[in-house]
Amino acid sequence: MSENLIKKYSTSVIKDFIERANDLKELKHKLTKGELKELFISRVLKSFLPSQFDIGSGIVVNGVAEQSRQTDIIIYDNRILPPFIREQNIGVYPIHSVIATVEMKTELHKKELVEAEDAAKTLREEVTGRIVDGHPTPGGLTVALCGPPLCAVFGFEGGVRVLNKPIDGKAFLEKDIEHLKLICITGKYCWAKVNKKWSQEVHTETYAEVKRFIALLVDNIRHDAQKRFKSLVDHQHWDWLSMYIR
């Protein structure tokens, strides 16, 4: 009985989000990215994320002044480091506490998918950092300990034609998409890279594609955050805050 109730609840949460987004679109003839982002955070993410995590938007920075592009949704672990700046629409988040990012698109087509992949590449390769000769760069300590943030993209409408076909879509993603791990378009599909392999979940009347996106996002956030926190706590003394402010 409990399992059925939880499934019903999750379906109602996602249905409410999609219907509200559709209502806004009908009222104004166009749904803005800002409205979609706020709906997604308030109606969906906050229903499923544990309280140790918080959500913002802005840029992600490391200790050597490299920064990400403007990012729609940044999910971070409050136990590690707080945002350095969070006023109105401005947010600056230290890479060591950022667990995941989500790019929101009112319409997600191939062009927007490529843009999201490029943003994820900047975050994962340049801001998180690299391992040089077996040692972490100053901005790359997170990579050395437990890996970069999970990067995802969520679209309310649109479509990438090749992703409609499981075999062709998988071949395209394996060839051209390296840094994104979750791709979802409501009413169509969710593609996820699990254990280094891409797989597809298609739309059903109970929003299977959105449920998969949310479940994998939250499950990986919880897993990666615990791994990150343990690695940082067990690591030899490191002046985390000094790295950024001195």
C-alpha atoms as a PDB file:
ATOM      1  CA  MET A   1       0.000   0.000   0.000  1.00  0.00           C
ATOM      2  CA  SER A   2       2.781   2.455   0.897  1.00  0.00           C
ATOM      3  CA  GLU A   3       4.558   1.867  -2.399  1.00  0.00           C
ATOM      4  CA  ASN A   4       1.361   2.566  -4.344  1.00  0.00           C
ATOM      5  CA  LEU A   5       0.736   5.741  -2.339  1.00  0.00           C
ATOM      6  CA  ILE A   6       4.261   7.018  -3.025  1.00  0.00           C
ATOM      7  CA  LYS A   7       3.931   6.271  -6.727  1.00  0.00           C
ATOM      8  CA  LYS A   8       0.586   8.053  -6.820  1.00  0.00           C
ATOM      9  CA  TYR A   9       2.070  11.016  -4.970  1.00  0.00           C
ATOM     10  CA  SER A  10       5.053  11.294  -7.308  1.00  0.00           C
ATOM     11  CA  THR A  11       2.736  11.114 -10.314  1.00  0.00           C
ATOM     12  CA  SER A  12       0.538  13.879  -8.883  1.00  0.00           C
ATOM     13  CA  VAL A  13       3.583  16.086  -8.164  1.00  0.00           C
ATOM     14  CA  ILE A  14       4.851  15.761 -11.728  1.00  0.00           C
ATOM     15  CA  LYS A  15       1.364  16.123 -13.221  1.00  0.00           C
ATOM     16  CA  ASP A  16       0.836  19.322 -11.213  1.00  0.00           C
ATOM     17  CA  PHE A  17       4.129  20.729 -12.499  1.00  0.00           C
ATOM     18  CA  ILE A  18       3.347  19.933 -16.144  1.00  0.00           C
ATOM     19  CA  GLU A  19      -0.240  21.198 -15.947  1.00  0.00           C
ATOM     20  CA  ARG A  20       0.852  24.428 -14.265  1.00  0.00           C
ATOM     21  CA  ALA A  21       3.488  24.984 -16.948  1.00  0.00           C
ATOM     22  CA  ASN A  22       0.868  24.362 -19.632  1.00  0.00           C
ATOM     23  CA  ASP A  23      -1.509  26.813 -17.933  1.00  0.00           C
ATOM     24  CA  LEU A  24       1.160  29.522 -17.961  1.00  0.00           C
ATOM     25  CA  LYS A  25       1.880  28.825 -21.604  1.00  0.00           C
ATOM     26  CA  GLU A  26      -1.797  29.098 -22.516  1.00  0.00           C
ATOM     27  CA  LEU A  27      -2.274  32.298 -20.520  1.00  0.00           C
ATOM     28  CA  LYS A  28       0.771  34.054 -21.934  1.00  0.00           C
ATOM     29  CA  HIS A  29       1.243  32.123 -25.204  1.00  0.00           C
ATOM     30  CA  LYS A  30       4.882  31.591 -24.231  1.00  0.00           C
ATOM     31  CA  LEU A  31       6.471  29.980 -21.196  1.00  0.00           C
ATOM     32  CA  THR A  32       9.720  31.665 -20.165  1.00  0.00           C
ATOM     33  CA  LYS A  33      12.748  29.741 -18.978  1.00  0.00           C
ATOM     34  CA  GLY A  34      12.621  31.584 -15.672  1.00  0.00           C
ATOM     35  CA  GLU A  35       9.025  30.497 -15.052  1.00  0.00           C
ATOM     36  CA  LEU A  36       9.838  26.910 -15.991  1.00  0.00           C
ATOM     37  CA  LYS A  37      12.859  26.885 -13.695  1.00  0.00           C
ATOM     38  CA  GLU A  38      10.920  28.253 -10.728  1.00  0.00           C
ATOM     39  CA  LEU A  39       8.109  25.752 -11.275  1.00  0.00           C
ATOM     40  CA  PHE A  40      10.542  22.859 -11.566  1.00  0.00           C
ATOM     41  CA  ILE A  41      12.304  23.852  -8.348  1.00  0.00           C
ATOM     42  CA  SER A  42       9.198  24.611  -6.284  1.00  0.00           C
ATOM     43  CA  ARG A  43       6.874  21.881  -7.569  1.00  0.00           C
ATOM     44  CA  VAL A  44       9.320  19.027  -8.213  1.00  0.00           C
ATOM     45  CA  LEU A  45      12.866  19.298  -6.843  1.00  0.00           C
ATOM     46  CA  LYS A  46      11.871  20.532  -3.392  1.00  0.00           C
ATOM     47  CA  SER A  47       9.434  17.639  -3.082  1.00  0.00           C
ATOM     48  CA  PHE A  48      12.193  15.039  -3.398  1.00  0.00           C
ATOM     49  CA  LEU A  49      15.538  16.559  -2.334  1.00  0.00           C
ATOM     50  CA  PRO A  50      16.709  15.884   1.270  1.00  0.00           C
ATOM     51  CA  SER A  51      17.122  18.943   3.492  1.00  0.00           C
ATOM     52  CA  GLN A  52      20.940  18.900   3.476  1.00  0.00           C
ATOM     53  CA  PHE A  53      20.829  20.154  -0.122  1.00  0.00           C
ATOM     54  CA  ASP A  54      19.899  23.580  -1.378  1.00  0.00           C
ATOM     55  CA  ILE A  55      19.214  24.980  -4.829  1.00  0.00           C
ATOM     56  CA  GLY A  56      20.380  28.144  -6.532  1.00  0.00           C
ATOM     57  CA  SER A  57      21.425  29.582  -9.881  1.00  0.00           C
ATOM     58  CA  GLY A  58      24.423  31.548 -11.067  1.00  0.00           C
ATOM     59  CA  ILE A  59      28.041  30.544 -11.649  1.00  0.00           C
ATOM     60  CA  VAL A  60      30.314  27.876 -10.182  1.00  0.00           C
ATOM     61  CA  VAL A  61      33.884  28.876  -9.299  1.00  0.00           C
ATOM     62  CA  ASN A  62      37.062  27.181  -8.133  1.00  0.00           C
ATOM     63  CA  GLY A  63      39.979  28.383  -6.052  1.00  0.00           C
ATOM     64  CA  VAL A  64      42.020  29.609  -9.016  1.00  0.00           C
ATOM     65  CA  ALA A  65      39.375  32.004 -10.422  1.00  0.00           C
ATOM     66  CA  GLU A  66      38.005  29.768 -13.195  1.00  0.00           C
ATOM     67  CA  GLN A  67      34.236  29.841 -13.518  1.00  0.00           C
ATOM     68  CA  SER A  68      31.355  28.134 -15.262  1.00  0.00           C
ATOM     69  CA  ARG A  69      28.848  29.712 -17.590  1.00  0.00           C
ATOM     70  CA  GLN A  70      25.614  31.064 -16.114  1.00  0.00           C
ATOM     71  CA  THR A  71      23.847  27.961 -14.810  1.00  0.00           C
ATOM     72  CA  ASP A  72      20.071  27.599 -14.378  1.00  0.00           C
ATOM     73  CA  ILE A  73      19.957  25.195 -11.429  1.00  0.00           C
ATOM     74  CA  ILE A  74      22.853  24.479  -9.070  1.00  0.00           C
ATOM     75  CA  ILE A  75      22.360  21.840  -6.375  1.00  0.00           C
ATOM     76  CA  TYR A  76      24.889  21.973  -3.564  1.00  0.00           C
ATOM     77  CA  ASP A  77      25.635  20.320  -0.218  1.00  0.00           C
ATOM     78  CA  ASN A  78      25.316  22.721   2.710  1.00  0.00           C
ATOM     79  CA  ARG A  79      27.692  20.603   4.817  1.00  0.00           C
ATOM     80  CA  ILE A  80      30.749  21.461   2.720  1.00  0.00           C
ATOM     81  CA  LEU A  81      30.752  25.163   1.805  1.00  0.00           C
ATOM     82  CA  PRO A  82      27.928  27.706   1.432  1.00  0.00           C
ATOM     83  CA  PRO A  83      27.480  30.003  -1.578  1.00  0.00           C
ATOM     84  CA  PHE A  84      29.845  32.979  -1.386  1.00  0.00           C
ATOM     85  CA  ILE A  85      27.314  35.359  -2.930  1.00  0.00           C
ATOM     86  CA  ARG A  86      23.574  34.785  -3.091  1.00  0.00           C
ATOM     87  CA  GLU A  87      21.620  37.975  -3.577  1.00  0.00           C
ATOM     88  CA  GLN A  88      18.544  38.265  -5.779  1.00  0.00           C
ATOM     89  CA  ASN A  89      19.522  36.624  -9.094  1.00  0.00           C
ATOM     90  CA  ILE A  90      23.274  36.551  -8.406  1.00  0.00           C
ATOM     91  CA  GLY A  91      24.862  33.394  -7.054  1.00  0.00           C
ATOM     92  CA  VAL A  92      28.499  32.283  -6.795  1.00  0.00           C
ATOM     93  CA  TYR A  93      28.999  28.674  -5.690  1.00  0.00           C
ATOM     94  CA  PRO A  94      32.275  26.896  -4.778  1.00  0.00           C
ATOM     95  CA  ILE A  95      32.865  23.810  -6.907  1.00  0.00           C
ATOM     96  CA  HIS A  96      33.675  21.676  -3.871  1.00  0.00           C
ATOM     97  CA  SER A  97      30.071  21.792  -2.654  1.00  0.00           C
ATOM     98  CA  VAL A  98      28.306  21.619  -6.051  1.00  0.00           C
ATOM     99  CA  ILE A  99      26.879  18.131  -6.579  1.00  0.00           C
ATOM    100  CA  ALA A 100      24.760  18.603  -9.713  1.00  0.00           C
ATOM    101  CA  THR A 101      23.575  21.167 -12.267  1.00  0.00           C
ATOM    102  CA  VAL A 102      20.489  21.252 -14.480  1.00  0.00           C
ATOM    103  CA  GLU A 103      19.998  23.387 -17.571  1.00  0.00           C
ATOM    104  CA  MET A 104      16.311  24.224 -18.169  1.00  0.00           C
ATOM    105  CA  LYS A 105      14.941  24.705 -21.690  1.00  0.00           C
ATOM    106  CA  THR A 106      11.399  25.662 -22.643  1.00  0.00           C
ATOM    107  CA  GLU A 107      12.223  23.965 -25.945  1.00  0.00           C
ATOM    108  CA  LEU A 108      15.043  21.462 -26.240  1.00  0.00           C
ATOM    109  CA  HIS A 109      16.260  20.769 -29.746  1.00  0.00           C
ATOM    110  CA  LYS A 110      19.662  19.695 -31.044  1.00  0.00           C
ATOM    111  CA  LYS A 111      21.031  23.250 -30.868  1.00  0.00           C
ATOM    112  CA  GLU A 112      20.091  23.602 -27.194  1.00  0.00           C
ATOM    113  CA  LEU A 113      21.413  20.119 -26.438  1.00  0.00           C
ATOM    114  CA  VAL A 114      24.812  21.021 -27.915  1.00  0.00           C
ATOM    115  CA  GLU A 115      24.852  24.266 -25.907  1.00  0.00           C
ATOM    116  CA  ALA A 116      24.117  22.336 -22.698  1.00  0.00           C
ATOM    117  CA  GLU A 117      26.885  19.852 -23.531  1.00  0.00           C
ATOM    118  CA  ASP A 118      29.365  22.715 -24.060  1.00  0.00           C
ATOM    119  CA  ALA A 119      28.396  24.261 -20.703  1.00  0.00           C
ATOM    120  CA  ALA A 120      28.813  20.892 -18.990  1.00  0.00           C
ATOM    121  CA  LYS A 121      32.223  20.480 -20.605  1.00  0.00           C
ATOM    122  CA  THR A 122      33.371  23.850 -19.231  1.00  0.00           C
ATOM    123  CA  LEU A 123      32.160  22.963 -15.746  1.00  0.00           C
ATOM    124  CA  ARG A 124      33.552  19.445 -15.644  1.00  0.00           C
ATOM    125  CA  GLU A 125      36.900  20.011 -17.404  1.00  0.00           C
ATOM    126  CA  GLU A 126      37.894  23.599 -16.618  1.00  0.00           C
ATOM    127  CA  VAL A 127      36.211  24.514 -13.331  1.00  0.00           C
ATOM    128  CA  THR A 128      36.391  21.159 -11.587  1.00  0.00           C
ATOM    129  CA  GLY A 129      39.928  20.771 -12.884  1.00  0.00           C
ATOM    130  CA  ARG A 130      42.204  18.093 -14.189  1.00  0.00           C
ATOM    131  CA  ILE A 131      44.724  15.596 -12.881  1.00  0.00           C
ATOM    132  CA  VAL A 132      48.238  16.557 -14.044  1.00  0.00           C
ATOM    133  CA  ASP A 133      50.998  13.942 -13.774  1.00  0.00           C
ATOM    134  CA  GLY A 134      48.934  12.038 -11.241  1.00  0.00           C
ATOM    135  CA  HIS A 135      48.345  15.081  -9.012  1.00  0.00           C
ATOM    136  CA  PRO A 136      45.310  17.394  -8.800  1.00  0.00           C
ATOM    137  CA  THR A 137      45.546  20.940 -10.072  1.00  0.00           C
ATOM    138  CA  PRO A 138      44.487  23.617  -7.526  1.00  0.00           C
ATOM    139  CA  GLY A 139      41.000  23.648  -9.023  1.00  0.00           C
ATOM    140  CA  GLY A 140      40.946  19.894  -9.477  1.00  0.00           C
ATOM    141  CA  LEU A 141      40.846  18.557  -5.940  1.00  0.00           C
ATOM    142  CA  THR A 142      37.218  17.529  -6.306  1.00  0.00           C
ATOM    143  CA  VAL A 143      38.093  15.402  -9.322  1.00  0.00           C
ATOM    144  CA  ALA A 144      40.949  13.802  -7.420  1.00  0.00           C
ATOM    145  CA  LEU A 145      38.688  12.856  -4.522  1.00  0.00           C
ATOM    146  CA  CYS A 146      35.357  11.919  -6.025  1.00  0.00           C
ATOM    147  CA  GLY A 147      34.642  13.305  -9.466  1.00  0.00           C
ATOM    148  CA  PRO A 148      32.876  16.307 -11.020  1.00  0.00           C
ATOM    149  CA  PRO A 149      29.216  17.348 -10.631  1.00  0.00           C
ATOM    150  CA  LEU A 150      26.464  15.498 -12.465  1.00  0.00           C
ATOM    151  CA  CYS A 151      25.264  17.621 -15.400  1.00  0.00           C
ATOM    152  CA  ALA A 152      21.714  17.318 -16.762  1.00  0.00           C
ATOM    153  CA  VAL A 153      19.387  19.103 -19.171  1.00  0.00           C
ATOM    154  CA  PHE A 154      15.581  19.239 -18.993  1.00  0.00           C
ATOM    155  CA  GLY A 155      13.263  20.422 -21.747  1.00  0.00           C
ATOM    156  CA  PHE A 156       9.550  21.122 -21.502  1.00  0.00           C
ATOM    157  CA  GLU A 157       8.926  20.838 -25.232  1.00  0.00           C
ATOM    158  CA  GLY A 158      10.875  20.144 -28.395  1.00  0.00           C
ATOM    159  CA  GLY A 159      12.781  17.096 -29.490  1.00  0.00           C
ATOM    160  CA  VAL A 160      15.983  15.806 -31.014  1.00  0.00           C
ATOM    161  CA  ARG A 161      14.902  13.560 -33.860  1.00  0.00           C
ATOM    162  CA  VAL A 162      17.718  11.055 -33.550  1.00  0.00           C
ATOM    163  CA  LEU A 163      16.899  10.492 -29.866  1.00  0.00           C
ATOM    164  CA  ASN A 164      13.470   9.112 -30.780  1.00  0.00           C
ATOM    165  CA  LYS A 165      15.165   5.940 -32.000  1.00  0.00           C
ATOM    166  CA  PRO A 166      16.863   3.803 -29.317  1.00  0.00           C
ATOM    167  CA  ILE A 167      19.694   2.438 -31.471  1.00  0.00           C
ATOM    168  CA  ASP A 168      20.425   5.615 -33.456  1.00  0.00           C
ATOM    169  CA  GLY A 169      19.995   7.761 -30.351  1.00  0.00           C
ATOM    170  CA  LYS A 170      22.442   5.683 -28.362  1.00  0.00           C
ATOM    171  CA  ALA A 171      25.017   5.873 -31.178  1.00  0.00           C
ATOM    172  CA  PHE A 172      24.615   9.666 -31.395  1.00  0.00           C
ATOM    173  CA  LEU A 173      24.984  10.160 -27.639  1.00  0.00           C
ATOM    174  CA  GLU A 174      28.020   7.887 -27.398  1.00  0.00           C
ATOM    175  CA  LYS A 175      29.704   9.826 -30.203  1.00  0.00           C
ATOM    176  CA  ASP A 176      28.734  13.432 -29.444  1.00  0.00           C
ATOM    177  CA  ILE A 177      27.619  13.767 -25.811  1.00  0.00           C
ATOM    178  CA  GLU A 178      30.313  13.135 -23.213  1.00  0.00           C
ATOM    179  CA  HIS A 179      29.646  15.463 -20.282  1.00  0.00           C
ATOM    180  CA  LEU A 180      25.867  15.432 -19.872  1.00  0.00           C
ATOM    181  CA  LYS A 181      24.502  12.431 -17.968  1.00  0.00           C
ATOM    182  CA  LEU A 182      20.715  13.030 -18.038  1.00  0.00           C
ATOM    183  CA  ILE A 183      18.548  14.377 -20.881  1.00  0.00           C
ATOM    184  CA  CYS A 184      14.765  14.672 -20.584  1.00  0.00           C
ATOM    185  CA  ILE A 185      11.936  16.168 -22.630  1.00  0.00           C
ATOM    186  CA  THR A 186       8.484  15.958 -21.078  1.00  0.00           C
ATOM    187  CA  GLY A 187       6.042  13.833 -23.032  1.00  0.00           C
ATOM    188  CA  LYS A 188       8.820  12.206 -25.043  1.00  0.00           C
ATOM    189  CA  TYR A 189      11.796  10.527 -23.390  1.00  0.00           C
ATOM    190  CA  CYS A 190      14.555  10.479 -20.814  1.00  0.00           C
ATOM    191  CA  TRP A 191      18.043   9.385 -21.791  1.00  0.00           C
ATOM    192  CA  ALA A 192      20.447   8.519 -18.988  1.00  0.00           C
ATOM    193  CA  LYS A 193      24.073   7.459 -18.896  1.00  0.00           C
ATOM    194  CA  VAL A 194      24.308   4.740 -16.247  1.00  0.00           C
ATOM    195  CA  ASN A 195      27.486   2.698 -15.766  1.00  0.00           C
ATOM    196  CA  LYS A 196      28.913   4.443 -18.863  1.00  0.00           C
ATOM    197  CA  LYS A 197      26.028   3.240 -21.075  1.00  0.00           C
ATOM    198  CA  TRP A 198      23.148   5.307 -22.487  1.00  0.00           C
ATOM    199  CA  SER A 199      19.583   3.995 -22.226  1.00  0.00           C
ATOM    200  CA  GLN A 200      16.151   5.432 -22.977  1.00  0.00           C
ATOM    201  CA  GLU A 201      12.832   5.638 -21.091  1.00  0.00           C
ATOM    202  CA  VAL A 202       9.856   6.772 -23.159  1.00  0.00           C
ATOM    203  CA  HIS A 203       6.757   8.718 -22.116  1.00  0.00           C
ATOM    204  CA  THR A 204       3.773   6.987 -20.510  1.00  0.00           C
ATOM    205  CA  GLU A 205       0.537   8.292 -19.029  1.00  0.00           C
ATOM    206  CA  THR A 206       2.234   8.287 -15.601  1.00  0.00           C
ATOM    207  CA  TYR A 207       5.179  10.399 -16.837  1.00  0.00           C
ATOM    208  CA  ALA A 208       7.749   7.597 -16.745  1.00  0.00           C
ATOM    209  CA  GLU A 209      10.347   9.772 -18.491  1.00  0.00           C
ATOM    210  CA  VAL A 210      10.155  12.587 -15.907  1.00  0.00           C
ATOM    211  CA  LYS A 211      10.072  10.112 -13.005  1.00  0.00           C
ATOM    212  CA  ARG A 212      13.239   8.481 -14.293  1.00  0.00           C
ATOM    213  CA  PHE A 213      14.960  11.847 -14.672  1.00  0.00           C
ATOM    214  CA  ILE A 214      14.051  12.911 -11.113  1.00  0.00           C
ATOM    215  CA  ALA A 215      14.817   9.535  -9.538  1.00  0.00           C
ATOM    216  CA  LEU A 216      18.249   9.221 -11.140  1.00  0.00           C
ATOM    217  CA  LEU A 217      19.078  12.858 -10.427  1.00  0.00           C
ATOM    218  CA  VAL A 218      18.184  12.639  -6.729  1.00  0.00           C
ATOM    219  CA  ASP A 219      19.651   9.159  -6.205  1.00  0.00           C
ATOM    220  CA  ASN A 220      22.971  10.217  -7.729  1.00  0.00           C
ATOM    221  CA  ILE A 221      22.993  13.475  -5.773  1.00  0.00           C
ATOM    222  CA  ARG A 222      22.612  11.552  -2.524  1.00  0.00           C
ATOM    223  CA  HIS A 223      25.284   9.000  -3.475  1.00  0.00           C
ATOM    224  CA  ASP A 224      27.783  11.524  -4.838  1.00  0.00           C
ATOM    225  CA  ALA A 225      27.294  13.924  -1.918  1.00  0.00           C
ATOM    226  CA  GLN A 226      27.991  11.208   0.632  1.00  0.00           C
ATOM    227  CA  LYS A 227      31.086  10.127  -1.282  1.00  0.00           C
ATOM    228  CA  ARG A 228      32.212  13.754  -1.621  1.00  0.00           C
ATOM    229  CA  PHE A 229      31.658  14.552   2.062  1.00  0.00           C
ATOM    230  CA  LYS A 230      33.465  11.426   3.262  1.00  0.00           C
ATOM    231  CA  SER A 231      36.406  12.073   0.944  1.00  0.00           C
ATOM    232  CA  LEU A 232      36.771  15.654   2.123  1.00  0.00           C
ATOM    233  CA  VAL A 233      36.436  14.753   5.807  1.00  0.00           C
ATOM    234  CA  ASP A 234      38.888  11.857   5.570  1.00  0.00           C
ATOM    235  CA  HIS A 235      41.386  13.840   3.505  1.00  0.00           C
ATOM    236  CA  GLN A 236      44.398  15.441   5.130  1.00  0.00           C
ATOM    237  CA  HIS A 237      43.851  18.977   6.383  1.00  0.00           C
ATOM    238  CA  TRP A 238      43.068  21.356   3.557  1.00  0.00           C
ATOM    239  CA  ASP A 239      42.249  25.039   3.851  1.00  0.00           C
ATOM    240  CA  TRP A 240      39.020  24.930   1.864  1.00  0.00           C
ATOM    241  CA  LEU A 241      37.845  28.459   2.579  1.00  0.00           C
ATOM    242  CA  SER A 242      41.339  29.966   2.357  1.00  0.00           C
ATOM    243  CA  MET A 243      41.616  28.569  -1.166  1.00  0.00           C
ATOM    244  CA  TYR A 244      38.814  30.881  -2.233  1.00  0.00           C
ATOM    245  CA  ILE A 245      39.099  34.030  -0.119  1.00  0.00           C
ATOM    246  CA  ARG A 246      42.829  34.564   0.514  1.00  0.00           C
END
